[in-house]
Amino acid sequence: MTIYLTSKFKKAYRRLPKQIKEKAKEKEKVFRKGPFNSQLETHRLHGKHKDYWAFSVDKSYRIMFQFLNATKTKVAFLNIGTHKIYK
């Protein structure tokens, strides 16, 4: 799986607490093995973000992403943060 990081994602990631960065790295490993693993709680978003998906880093933090091809082998990580990323 190829994961592309948007500039928005990179900027938000740099601002995260160290412990959340570590959790995000662990969840990325799980994501690479299977984006719909139950540990991730992957879900499709609604409304203005209906073309995007998100998975949980922990109870508060999420990674918003988009599949870039039909085979789901190319993904763009769009943003990372609390539920505020959806606004």
PDB file of N, CA and C in Angstrom:
ATOM      1  N   MET A   1       0.843  -1.179   0.000  1.00  0.00           N
ATOM      2  CA  MET A   1       0.000   0.000   0.000  1.00  0.00           C
ATOM      3  C   MET A   1       0.891   1.246   0.000  1.00  0.00           C
ATOM      4  N   THR A   2       0.517   2.198  -0.827  1.00  0.00           N
ATOM      5  CA  THR A   2       1.231   3.472  -0.873  1.00  0.00           C
ATOM      6  C   THR A   2       0.386   4.524  -0.172  1.00  0.00           C
ATOM      7  N   ILE A   3       0.994   5.222   0.777  1.00  0.00           N
ATOM      8  CA  ILE A   3       0.290   6.274   1.507  1.00  0.00           C
ATOM      9  C   ILE A   3       0.958   7.609   1.214  1.00  0.00           C
ATOM     10  N   TYR A   4       0.161   8.530   0.710  1.00  0.00           N
ATOM     11  CA  TYR A   4       0.628   9.887   0.450  1.00  0.00           C
ATOM     12  C   TYR A   4       0.167  10.781   1.597  1.00  0.00           C
ATOM     13  N   LEU A   5       1.009  11.707   1.992  1.00  0.00           N
ATOM     14  CA  LEU A   5       0.669  12.634   3.078  1.00  0.00           C
ATOM     15  C   LEU A   5       0.468  14.029   2.502  1.00  0.00           C
ATOM     16  N   THR A   6      -0.695  14.610   2.761  1.00  0.00           N
ATOM     17  CA  THR A   6      -0.937  15.975   2.302  1.00  0.00           C
ATOM     18  C   THR A   6      -0.183  16.946   3.206  1.00  0.00           C
ATOM     19  N   SER A   7       0.011  18.158   2.717  1.00  0.00           N
ATOM     20  CA  SER A   7       0.693  19.169   3.533  1.00  0.00           C
ATOM     21  C   SER A   7      -0.120  19.481   4.787  1.00  0.00           C
ATOM     22  N   LYS A   8      -1.446  19.439   4.674  1.00  0.00           N
ATOM     23  CA  LYS A   8      -2.311  19.682   5.832  1.00  0.00           C
ATOM     24  C   LYS A   8      -2.092  18.598   6.893  1.00  0.00           C
ATOM     25  N   PHE A   9      -1.997  17.349   6.445  1.00  0.00           N
ATOM     26  CA  PHE A   9      -1.743  16.247   7.372  1.00  0.00           C
ATOM     27  C   PHE A   9      -0.393  16.428   8.063  1.00  0.00           C
ATOM     28  N   LYS A  10       0.641  16.728   7.288  1.00  0.00           N
ATOM     29  CA  LYS A  10       1.985  16.899   7.854  1.00  0.00           C
ATOM     30  C   LYS A  10       2.019  18.008   8.900  1.00  0.00           C
ATOM     31  N   LYS A  11       1.354  19.102   8.604  1.00  0.00           N
ATOM     32  CA  LYS A  11       1.328  20.242   9.532  1.00  0.00           C
ATOM     33  C   LYS A  11       0.610  19.852  10.828  1.00  0.00           C
ATOM     34  N   ALA A  12      -0.543  19.199  10.696  1.00  0.00           N
ATOM     35  CA  ALA A  12      -1.314  18.787  11.873  1.00  0.00           C
ATOM     36  C   ALA A  12      -0.538  17.747  12.686  1.00  0.00           C
ATOM     37  N   TYR A  13       0.141  16.837  12.005  1.00  0.00           N
ATOM     38  CA  TYR A  13       0.912  15.791  12.684  1.00  0.00           C
ATOM     39  C   TYR A  13       2.023  16.398  13.528  1.00  0.00           C
ATOM     40  N   ARG A  14       2.728  17.378  12.981  1.00  0.00           N
ATOM     41  CA  ARG A  14       3.822  18.022  13.715  1.00  0.00           C
ATOM     42  C   ARG A  14       3.349  18.645  15.023  1.00  0.00           C
ATOM     43  N   ARG A  15       2.103  19.067  15.077  1.00  0.00           N
ATOM     44  CA  ARG A  15       1.551  19.741  16.263  1.00  0.00           C
ATOM     45  C   ARG A  15       1.023  18.785  17.326  1.00  0.00           C
ATOM     46  N   LEU A  16       0.981  17.509  17.038  1.00  0.00           N
ATOM     47  CA  LEU A  16       0.413  16.533  17.972  1.00  0.00           C
ATOM     48  C   LEU A  16       1.338  16.265  19.150  1.00  0.00           C
ATOM     49  N   PRO A  17       0.756  15.888  20.289  1.00  0.00           N
ATOM     50  CA  PRO A  17       1.576  15.443  21.418  1.00  0.00           C
ATOM     51  C   PRO A  17       2.354  14.185  21.020  1.00  0.00           C
ATOM     52  N   LYS A  18       3.508  13.989  21.618  1.00  0.00           N
ATOM     53  CA  LYS A  18       4.383  12.861  21.285  1.00  0.00           C
ATOM     54  C   LYS A  18       3.671  11.519  21.415  1.00  0.00           C
ATOM     55  N   GLN A  19       2.881  11.343  22.467  1.00  0.00           N
ATOM     56  CA  GLN A  19       2.206  10.059  22.673  1.00  0.00           C
ATOM     57  C   GLN A  19       1.190   9.765  21.574  1.00  0.00           C
ATOM     58  N   ILE A  20       0.550  10.783  21.038  1.00  0.00           N
ATOM     59  CA  ILE A  20      -0.412  10.583  19.945  1.00  0.00           C
ATOM     60  C   ILE A  20       0.337  10.235  18.658  1.00  0.00           C
ATOM     61  N   LYS A  21       1.476  10.862  18.435  1.00  0.00           N
ATOM     62  CA  LYS A  21       2.300  10.525  17.262  1.00  0.00           C
ATOM     63  C   LYS A  21       2.699   9.052  17.298  1.00  0.00           C
ATOM     64  N   GLU A  22       3.082   8.580  18.475  1.00  0.00           N
ATOM     65  CA  GLU A  22       3.476   7.175  18.616  1.00  0.00           C
ATOM     66  C   GLU A  22       2.297   6.240  18.339  1.00  0.00           C
ATOM     67  N   LYS A  23       1.127   6.593  18.869  1.00  0.00           N
ATOM     68  CA  LYS A  23      -0.073   5.782  18.614  1.00  0.00           C
ATOM     69  C   LYS A  23      -0.421   5.786  17.133  1.00  0.00           C
ATOM     70  N   ALA A  24      -0.288   6.955  16.493  1.00  0.00           N
ATOM     71  CA  ALA A  24      -0.603   7.076  15.068  1.00  0.00           C
ATOM     72  C   ALA A  24       0.317   6.182  14.231  1.00  0.00           C
ATOM     73  N   LYS A  25       1.584   6.109  14.594  1.00  0.00           N
ATOM     74  CA  LYS A  25       2.528   5.241  13.871  1.00  0.00           C
ATOM     75  C   LYS A  25       2.112   3.782  13.994  1.00  0.00           C
ATOM     76  N   GLU A  26       1.706   3.384  15.196  1.00  0.00           N
ATOM     77  CA  GLU A  26       1.266   1.997  15.407  1.00  0.00           C
ATOM     78  C   GLU A  26       0.003   1.703  14.599  1.00  0.00           C
ATOM     79  N   LYS A  27      -0.937   2.637  14.589  1.00  0.00           N
ATOM     80  CA  LYS A  27      -2.182   2.423  13.848  1.00  0.00           C
ATOM     81  C   LYS A  27      -1.926   2.412  12.347  1.00  0.00           C
ATOM     82  N   GLU A  28      -0.930   3.169  11.892  1.00  0.00           N
ATOM     83  CA  GLU A  28      -0.591   3.152  10.462  1.00  0.00           C
ATOM     84  C   GLU A  28      -0.117   1.763  10.052  1.00  0.00           C
ATOM     85  N   LYS A  29       0.654   1.103  10.908  1.00  0.00           N
ATOM     86  CA  LYS A  29       1.112  -0.262  10.618  1.00  0.00           C
ATOM     87  C   LYS A  29      -0.073  -1.207  10.459  1.00  0.00           C
ATOM     88  N   VAL A  30      -1.051  -1.078  11.348  1.00  0.00           N
ATOM     89  CA  VAL A  30      -2.261  -1.904  11.267  1.00  0.00           C
ATOM     90  C   VAL A  30      -3.009  -1.573   9.976  1.00  0.00           C
ATOM     91  N   PHE A  31      -3.126  -0.283   9.657  1.00  0.00           N
ATOM     92  CA  PHE A  31      -3.823   0.182   8.451  1.00  0.00           C
ATOM     93  C   PHE A  31      -3.192  -0.411   7.196  1.00  0.00           C
ATOM     94  N   ARG A  32      -1.873  -0.436   7.134  1.00  0.00           N
ATOM     95  CA  ARG A  32      -1.186  -0.972   5.961  1.00  0.00           C
ATOM     96  C   ARG A  32      -1.510  -2.451   5.737  1.00  0.00           C
ATOM     97  N   LYS A  33      -1.714  -3.188   6.814  1.00  0.00           N
ATOM     98  CA  LYS A  33      -2.051  -4.609   6.699  1.00  0.00           C
ATOM     99  C   LYS A  33      -3.497  -4.802   6.263  1.00  0.00           C
ATOM    100  N   GLY A  34      -4.368  -3.888   6.659  1.00  0.00           N
ATOM    101  CA  GLY A  34      -5.779  -3.992   6.301  1.00  0.00           C
ATOM    102  C   GLY A  34      -6.531  -2.778   6.774  1.00  0.00           C
ATOM    103  N   PRO A  35      -6.946  -1.898   5.854  1.00  0.00           N
ATOM    104  CA  PRO A  35      -7.583  -0.644   6.253  1.00  0.00           C
ATOM    105  C   PRO A  35      -8.920  -0.801   6.980  1.00  0.00           C
ATOM    106  N   PHE A  36      -9.472  -2.002   6.960  1.00  0.00           N
ATOM    107  CA  PHE A  36     -10.755  -2.216   7.638  1.00  0.00           C
ATOM    108  C   PHE A  36     -10.616  -3.126   8.861  1.00  0.00           C
ATOM    109  N   ASN A  37      -9.416  -3.226   9.397  1.00  0.00           N
ATOM    110  CA  ASN A  37      -9.176  -3.989  10.619  1.00  0.00           C
ATOM    111  C   ASN A  37     -10.057  -3.408  11.730  1.00  0.00           C
ATOM    112  N   SER A  38     -10.649  -4.255  12.529  1.00  0.00           N
ATOM    113  CA  SER A  38     -11.580  -3.790  13.570  1.00  0.00           C
ATOM    114  C   SER A  38     -10.915  -2.884  14.606  1.00  0.00           C
ATOM    115  N   GLN A  39      -9.599  -3.007  14.800  1.00  0.00           N
ATOM    116  CA  GLN A  39      -8.884  -2.135  15.742  1.00  0.00           C
ATOM    117  C   GLN A  39      -8.952  -0.664  15.327  1.00  0.00           C
ATOM    118  N   LEU A  40      -9.138  -0.426  14.032  1.00  0.00           N
ATOM    119  CA  LEU A  40      -9.101   0.935  13.498  1.00  0.00           C
ATOM    120  C   LEU A  40     -10.446   1.659  13.555  1.00  0.00           C
ATOM    121  N   GLU A  41     -11.521   0.894  13.628  1.00  0.00           N
ATOM    122  CA  GLU A  41     -12.866   1.485  13.594  1.00  0.00           C
ATOM    123  C   GLU A  41     -13.038   2.384  12.361  1.00  0.00           C
ATOM    124  N   THR A  42     -12.590   1.894  11.217  1.00  0.00           N
ATOM    125  CA  THR A  42     -12.675   2.644   9.958  1.00  0.00           C
ATOM    126  C   THR A  42     -14.129   2.883   9.593  1.00  0.00           C
ATOM    127  N   HIS A  43     -14.421   4.108   9.186  1.00  0.00           N
ATOM    128  CA  HIS A  43     -15.788   4.443   8.805  1.00  0.00           C
ATOM    129  C   HIS A  43     -15.796   5.516   7.725  1.00  0.00           C
ATOM    130  N   ARG A  44     -16.845   5.464   6.900  1.00  0.00           N
ATOM    131  CA  ARG A  44     -17.033   6.465   5.853  1.00  0.00           C
ATOM    132  C   ARG A  44     -17.631   7.714   6.496  1.00  0.00           C
ATOM    133  N   LEU A  45     -17.207   8.864   6.005  1.00  0.00           N
ATOM    134  CA  LEU A  45     -17.733  10.120   6.534  1.00  0.00           C
ATOM    135  C   LEU A  45     -18.974  10.540   5.749  1.00  0.00           C
ATOM    136  N   HIS A  46     -19.671  11.525   6.256  1.00  0.00           N
ATOM    137  CA  HIS A  46     -20.933  11.971   5.661  1.00  0.00           C
ATOM    138  C   HIS A  46     -20.872  13.454   5.337  1.00  0.00           C
ATOM    139  N   GLY A  47     -21.924  13.940   4.704  1.00  0.00           N
ATOM    140  CA  GLY A  47     -22.028  15.369   4.406  1.00  0.00           C
ATOM    141  C   GLY A  47     -20.962  15.833   3.430  1.00  0.00           C
ATOM    142  N   LYS A  48     -20.341  16.947   3.739  1.00  0.00           N
ATOM    143  CA  LYS A  48     -19.347  17.516   2.819  1.00  0.00           C
ATOM    144  C   LYS A  48     -18.097  16.647   2.689  1.00  0.00           C
ATOM    145  N   HIS A  49     -17.932  15.688   3.592  1.00  0.00           N
ATOM    146  CA  HIS A  49     -16.780  14.787   3.553  1.00  0.00           C
ATOM    147  C   HIS A  49     -17.168  13.387   3.071  1.00  0.00           C
ATOM    148  N   LYS A  50     -18.255  13.267   2.328  1.00  0.00           N
ATOM    149  CA  LYS A  50     -18.785  11.954   1.959  1.00  0.00           C
ATOM    150  C   LYS A  50     -17.835  11.104   1.110  1.00  0.00           C
ATOM    151  N   ASP A  51     -16.833  11.724   0.492  1.00  0.00           N
ATOM    152  CA  ASP A  51     -15.874  10.969  -0.312  1.00  0.00           C
ATOM    153  C   ASP A  51     -14.674  10.486   0.503  1.00  0.00           C
ATOM    154  N   TYR A  52     -14.676  10.772   1.796  1.00  0.00           N
ATOM    155  CA  TYR A  52     -13.542  10.461   2.650  1.00  0.00           C
ATOM    156  C   TYR A  52     -13.893   9.407   3.697  1.00  0.00           C
ATOM    157  N   TRP A  53     -12.839   8.876   4.300  1.00  0.00           N
ATOM    158  CA  TRP A  53     -12.960   7.881   5.347  1.00  0.00           C
ATOM    159  C   TRP A  53     -12.144   8.353   6.540  1.00  0.00           C
ATOM    160  N   ALA A  54     -12.318   7.710   7.682  1.00  0.00           N
ATOM    161  CA  ALA A  54     -11.500   8.017   8.857  1.00  0.00           C
ATOM    162  C   ALA A  54     -11.314   6.746   9.667  1.00  0.00           C
ATOM    163  N   PHE A  55     -10.207   6.715  10.410  1.00  0.00           N
ATOM    164  CA  PHE A  55     -10.001   5.638  11.372  1.00  0.00           C
ATOM    165  C   PHE A  55      -9.463   6.225  12.661  1.00  0.00           C
ATOM    166  N   SER A  56      -9.649   5.482  13.734  1.00  0.00           N
ATOM    167  CA  SER A  56      -9.304   5.964  15.068  1.00  0.00           C
ATOM    168  C   SER A  56      -7.842   5.706  15.405  1.00  0.00           C
ATOM    169  N   VAL A  57      -7.216   6.732  15.968  1.00  0.00           N
ATOM    170  CA  VAL A  57      -5.879   6.597  16.541  1.00  0.00           C
ATOM    171  C   VAL A  57      -6.044   6.223  18.013  1.00  0.00           C
ATOM    172  N   ASP A  58      -6.963   6.918  18.682  1.00  0.00           N
ATOM    173  CA  ASP A  58      -7.399   6.583  20.044  1.00  0.00           C
ATOM    174  C   ASP A  58      -8.824   7.086  20.193  1.00  0.00           C
ATOM    175  N   LYS A  59      -9.304   7.243  21.412  1.00  0.00           N
ATOM    176  CA  LYS A  59     -10.698   7.666  21.604  1.00  0.00           C
ATOM    177  C   LYS A  59     -10.979   9.067  21.080  1.00  0.00           C
ATOM    178  N   SER A  60      -9.977   9.925  21.043  1.00  0.00           N
ATOM    179  CA  SER A  60     -10.185  11.314  20.633  1.00  0.00           C
ATOM    180  C   SER A  60      -9.649  11.655  19.246  1.00  0.00           C
ATOM    181  N   TYR A  61      -8.603  10.990  18.825  1.00  0.00           N
ATOM    182  CA  TYR A  61      -7.917  11.371  17.580  1.00  0.00           C
ATOM    183  C   TYR A  61      -8.260  10.449  16.420  1.00  0.00           C
ATOM    184  N   ARG A  62      -8.367  11.049  15.232  1.00  0.00           N
ATOM    185  CA  ARG A  62      -8.719  10.337  14.009  1.00  0.00           C
ATOM    186  C   ARG A  62      -7.762  10.720  12.891  1.00  0.00           C
ATOM    187  N   ILE A  63      -7.629   9.835  11.924  1.00  0.00           N
ATOM    188  CA  ILE A  63      -6.939  10.155  10.681  1.00  0.00           C
ATOM    189  C   ILE A  63      -7.982  10.112   9.572  1.00  0.00           C
ATOM    190  N   MET A  64      -8.099  11.223   8.843  1.00  0.00           N
ATOM    191  CA  MET A  64      -9.012  11.309   7.714  1.00  0.00           C
ATOM    192  C   MET A  64      -8.213  10.955   6.457  1.00  0.00           C
ATOM    193  N   PHE A  65      -8.790  10.088   5.623  1.00  0.00           N
ATOM    194  CA  PHE A  65      -8.073   9.664   4.424  1.00  0.00           C
ATOM    195  C   PHE A  65      -9.022   9.449   3.257  1.00  0.00           C
ATOM    196  N   GLN A  66      -8.414   9.259   2.086  1.00  0.00           N
ATOM    197  CA  GLN A  66      -9.178   9.015   0.868  1.00  0.00           C
ATOM    198  C   GLN A  66      -8.479   7.924   0.070  1.00  0.00           C
ATOM    199  N   PHE A  67      -9.257   6.969  -0.423  1.00  0.00           N
ATOM    200  CA  PHE A  67      -8.710   5.972  -1.334  1.00  0.00           C
ATOM    201  C   PHE A  67      -8.516   6.643  -2.688  1.00  0.00           C
ATOM    202  N   LEU A  68      -7.370   6.429  -3.309  1.00  0.00           N
ATOM    203  CA  LEU A  68      -7.061   7.092  -4.579  1.00  0.00           C
ATOM    204  C   LEU A  68      -7.263   6.199  -5.795  1.00  0.00           C
ATOM    205  N   ASN A  69      -7.496   4.897  -5.555  1.00  0.00           N
ATOM    206  CA  ASN A  69      -7.780   4.000  -6.671  1.00  0.00           C
ATOM    207  C   ASN A  69      -8.778   2.928  -6.229  1.00  0.00           C
ATOM    208  N   ALA A  70      -9.342   2.257  -7.209  1.00  0.00           N
ATOM    209  CA  ALA A  70     -10.399   1.275  -6.931  1.00  0.00           C
ATOM    210  C   ALA A  70      -9.892   0.063  -6.155  1.00  0.00           C
ATOM    211  N   THR A  71      -8.622  -0.272  -6.306  1.00  0.00           N
ATOM    212  CA  THR A  71      -8.078  -1.443  -5.620  1.00  0.00           C
ATOM    213  C   THR A  71      -7.661  -1.135  -4.179  1.00  0.00           C
ATOM    214  N   LYS A  72      -7.809   0.126  -3.786  1.00  0.00           N
ATOM    215  CA  LYS A  72      -7.508   0.572  -2.419  1.00  0.00           C
ATOM    216  C   LYS A  72      -6.043   0.326  -2.029  1.00  0.00           C
ATOM    217  N   THR A  73      -5.148   0.452  -3.003  1.00  0.00           N
ATOM    218  CA  THR A  73      -3.722   0.288  -2.745  1.00  0.00           C
ATOM    219  C   THR A  73      -3.000   1.636  -2.662  1.00  0.00           C
ATOM    220  N   LYS A  74      -3.690   2.703  -3.034  1.00  0.00           N
ATOM    221  CA  LYS A  74      -3.133   4.051  -2.916  1.00  0.00           C
ATOM    222  C   LYS A  74      -4.084   4.889  -2.073  1.00  0.00           C
ATOM    223  N   VAL A  75      -3.516   5.521  -1.048  1.00  0.00           N
ATOM    224  CA  VAL A  75      -4.317   6.265  -0.078  1.00  0.00           C
ATOM    225  C   VAL A  75      -3.644   7.602   0.196  1.00  0.00           C
ATOM    226  N   ALA A  76      -4.452   8.614   0.406  1.00  0.00           N
ATOM    227  CA  ALA A  76      -3.934   9.922   0.841  1.00  0.00           C
ATOM    228  C   ALA A  76      -4.428  10.174   2.254  1.00  0.00           C
ATOM    229  N   PHE A  77      -3.493  10.408   3.172  1.00  0.00           N
ATOM    230  CA  PHE A  77      -3.856  10.838   4.515  1.00  0.00           C
ATOM    231  C   PHE A  77      -4.065  12.347   4.436  1.00  0.00           C
ATOM    232  N   LEU A  78      -5.288  12.779   4.714  1.00  0.00           N
ATOM    233  CA  LEU A  78      -5.675  14.180   4.526  1.00  0.00           C
ATOM    234  C   LEU A  78      -5.489  15.040   5.767  1.00  0.00           C
ATOM    235  N   ASN A  79      -5.782  14.472   6.928  1.00  0.00           N
ATOM    236  CA  ASN A  79      -5.720  15.255   8.163  1.00  0.00           C
ATOM    237  C   ASN A  79      -5.665  14.306   9.355  1.00  0.00           C
ATOM    238  N   ILE A  80      -5.208  14.838  10.474  1.00  0.00           N
ATOM    239  CA  ILE A  80      -5.177  14.070  11.715  1.00  0.00           C
ATOM    240  C   ILE A  80      -5.514  15.033  12.856  1.00  0.00           C
ATOM    241  N   GLY A  81      -6.324  14.567  13.790  1.00  0.00           N
ATOM    242  CA  GLY A  81      -6.689  15.401  14.937  1.00  0.00           C
ATOM    243  C   GLY A  81      -7.945  14.887  15.603  1.00  0.00           C
ATOM    244  N   THR A  82      -8.508  15.726  16.447  1.00  0.00           N
ATOM    245  CA  THR A  82      -9.754  15.385  17.138  1.00  0.00           C
ATOM    246  C   THR A  82     -10.910  15.553  16.147  1.00  0.00           C
ATOM    247  N   HIS A  83     -12.123  15.449  16.630  1.00  0.00           N
ATOM    248  CA  HIS A  83     -13.292  15.591  15.755  1.00  0.00           C
ATOM    249  C   HIS A  83     -13.359  16.967  15.077  1.00  0.00           C
ATOM    250  N   LYS A  84     -12.562  17.910  15.528  1.00  0.00           N
ATOM    251  CA  LYS A  84     -12.531  19.231  14.905  1.00  0.00           C
ATOM    252  C   LYS A  84     -12.060  19.162  13.447  1.00  0.00           C
ATOM    253  N   ILE A  85     -11.384  18.099  13.059  1.00  0.00           N
ATOM    254  CA  ILE A  85     -10.915  18.000  11.665  1.00  0.00           C
ATOM    255  C   ILE A  85     -12.071  17.894  10.677  1.00  0.00           C
ATOM    256  N   TYR A  86     -13.248  17.542  11.153  1.00  0.00           N
ATOM    257  CA  TYR A  86     -14.398  17.391  10.284  1.00  0.00           C
ATOM    258  C   TYR A  86     -15.092  18.721   9.985  1.00  0.00           C
ATOM    259  N   LYS A  87     -14.706  19.763  10.676  1.00  0.00           N
ATOM    260  CA  LYS A  87     -15.370  21.064  10.480  1.00  0.00           C
ATOM    261  C   LYS A  87     -14.721  21.868   9.397  1.00  0.00           C
TER     262      LYS A  87
END
